[in-house]
C-alpha atoms as a PDB file:
ATOM      1  CA  MET A   1      -0.741 -12.292  -5.339  1.00  0.00           C
ATOM      2  CA  ILE A   2       0.946  -9.089  -6.683  1.00  0.00           C
ATOM      3  CA  CYS A   3      -1.068  -6.187  -7.311  1.00  0.00           C
ATOM      4  CA  GLN A   4      -0.383  -4.270 -10.707  1.00  0.00           C
ATOM      5  CA  CYS A   5      -1.329  -0.634 -10.106  1.00  0.00           C
ATOM      6  CA  GLU A   6      -2.421  -0.505 -13.668  1.00  0.00           C
ATOM      7  CA  SER A   7      -5.108  -2.588 -12.960  1.00  0.00           C
ATOM      8  CA  CYS A   8      -5.864  -1.703  -9.194  1.00  0.00           C
ATOM      9  CA  ASP A   9      -9.626  -0.704  -8.840  1.00  0.00           C
ATOM     10  CA  LEU A  10      -8.523   1.956  -5.839  1.00  0.00           C
ATOM     11  CA  ARG A  11      -5.998   3.644  -7.961  1.00  0.00           C
ATOM     12  CA  THR A  12      -8.295   6.302  -9.164  1.00  0.00           C
ATOM     13  CA  LEU A  13      -9.615   6.672  -5.574  1.00  0.00           C
ATOM     14  CA  PHE A  14      -6.145   7.290  -4.023  1.00  0.00           C
ATOM     15  CA  TYR A  15      -4.671   9.012  -6.792  1.00  0.00           C
ATOM     16  CA  SER A  16      -7.390  11.097  -8.073  1.00  0.00           C
ATOM     17  CA  SER A  17      -5.931  14.447  -7.263  1.00  0.00           C
ATOM     18  CA  ILE A  18      -2.567  14.231  -8.857  1.00  0.00           C
ATOM     19  CA  GLY A  19      -1.048  13.713 -12.440  1.00  0.00           C
ATOM     20  CA  ILE A  20      -0.872  10.437 -14.115  1.00  0.00           C
ATOM     21  CA  GLU A  21       3.325  11.098 -14.168  1.00  0.00           C
ATOM     22  CA  ASP A  22       3.118  11.132 -10.350  1.00  0.00           C
ATOM     23  CA  VAL A  23       0.702   8.166  -9.913  1.00  0.00           C
ATOM     24  CA  ASP A  24       3.279   5.841 -12.421  1.00  0.00           C
ATOM     25  CA  LYS A  25       6.203   7.214  -9.832  1.00  0.00           C
ATOM     26  CA  TYR A  26       4.214   6.036  -6.873  1.00  0.00           C
ATOM     27  CA  CYS A  27       3.477   2.669  -8.557  1.00  0.00           C
ATOM     28  CA  ALA A  28       6.812   2.031  -9.333  1.00  0.00           C
ATOM     29  CA  SER A  29       8.049   2.663  -5.892  1.00  0.00           C
ATOM     30  CA  ARG A  30       5.711   0.267  -4.314  1.00  0.00           C
ATOM     31  CA  ARG A  31       6.792  -2.965  -2.692  1.00  0.00           C
ATOM     32  CA  GLU A  32       4.509  -5.678  -1.594  1.00  0.00           C
ATOM     33  CA  VAL A  33       4.783  -7.643   2.226  1.00  0.00           C
ATOM     34  CA  ASN A  34       2.952 -10.623   2.736  1.00  0.00           C
ATOM     35  CA  LEU A  35       2.664 -11.199   6.695  1.00  0.00           C
ATOM     36  CA  SER A  36       1.713 -14.307   8.438  1.00  0.00           C
ATOM     37  CA  ALA A  37      -1.129 -14.392  11.238  1.00  0.00           C
ATOM     38  CA  GLY A  38       0.473 -12.832  14.103  1.00  0.00           C
ATOM     39  CA  GLU A  39       3.096 -11.216  12.543  1.00  0.00           C
ATOM     40  CA  ASP A  40       3.770  -7.380  13.459  1.00  0.00           C
ATOM     41  CA  LEU A  41       3.285  -4.837  10.635  1.00  0.00           C
ATOM     42  CA  ILE A  42       4.191  -2.214  12.514  1.00  0.00           C
ATOM     43  CA  LYS A  43       4.833  -1.635  16.390  1.00  0.00           C
ATOM     44  CA  GLN A  44       3.467   1.000  19.118  1.00  0.00           C
ATOM     45  CA  GLY A  45       6.157   3.813  18.842  1.00  0.00           C
ATOM     46  CA  ASP A  46       7.316   3.112  15.289  1.00  0.00           C
ATOM     47  CA  VAL A  47       7.838   5.867  12.863  1.00  0.00           C
ATOM     48  CA  ILE A  48       6.114   5.377   9.686  1.00  0.00           C
ATOM     49  CA  LYS A  49       8.080   6.756   6.596  1.00  0.00           C
ATOM     50  CA  ASP A  50       5.862   4.983   4.094  1.00  0.00           C
ATOM     51  CA  PHE A  51       2.193   5.130   2.999  1.00  0.00           C
ATOM     52  CA  ILE A  52       0.580   1.753   4.267  1.00  0.00           C
ATOM     53  CA  TYR A  53      -2.152  -0.117   2.318  1.00  0.00           C
ATOM     54  CA  LEU A  54      -3.927  -3.366   3.636  1.00  0.00           C
ATOM     55  CA  LYS A  55      -4.500  -5.044   0.504  1.00  0.00           C
ATOM     56  CA  GLU A  56      -6.317  -8.083   2.228  1.00  0.00           C
ATOM     57  CA  GLY A  57      -6.863  -9.756   5.405  1.00  0.00           C
ATOM     58  CA  LEU A  58      -7.484  -8.273   8.977  1.00  0.00           C
ATOM     59  CA  VAL A  59      -5.643  -5.838  11.300  1.00  0.00           C
ATOM     60  CA  LYS A  60      -5.621  -5.941  15.217  1.00  0.00           C
ATOM     61  CA  LEU A  61      -5.275  -2.395  16.533  1.00  0.00           C
END
């Protein structure tokens, strides 16, 4: 499932405090990753350099 920023219901919520030009920049640089059950998204101690948004599924912390 590929998300299109233009039709994303959460776009307004996440980007309500910045200009549309900045929203377009963030959306243009996004990447979508599909993981299988049990596969690690991040591990303890990993440095997170990006914003991570879970669009669908469950996460075990």
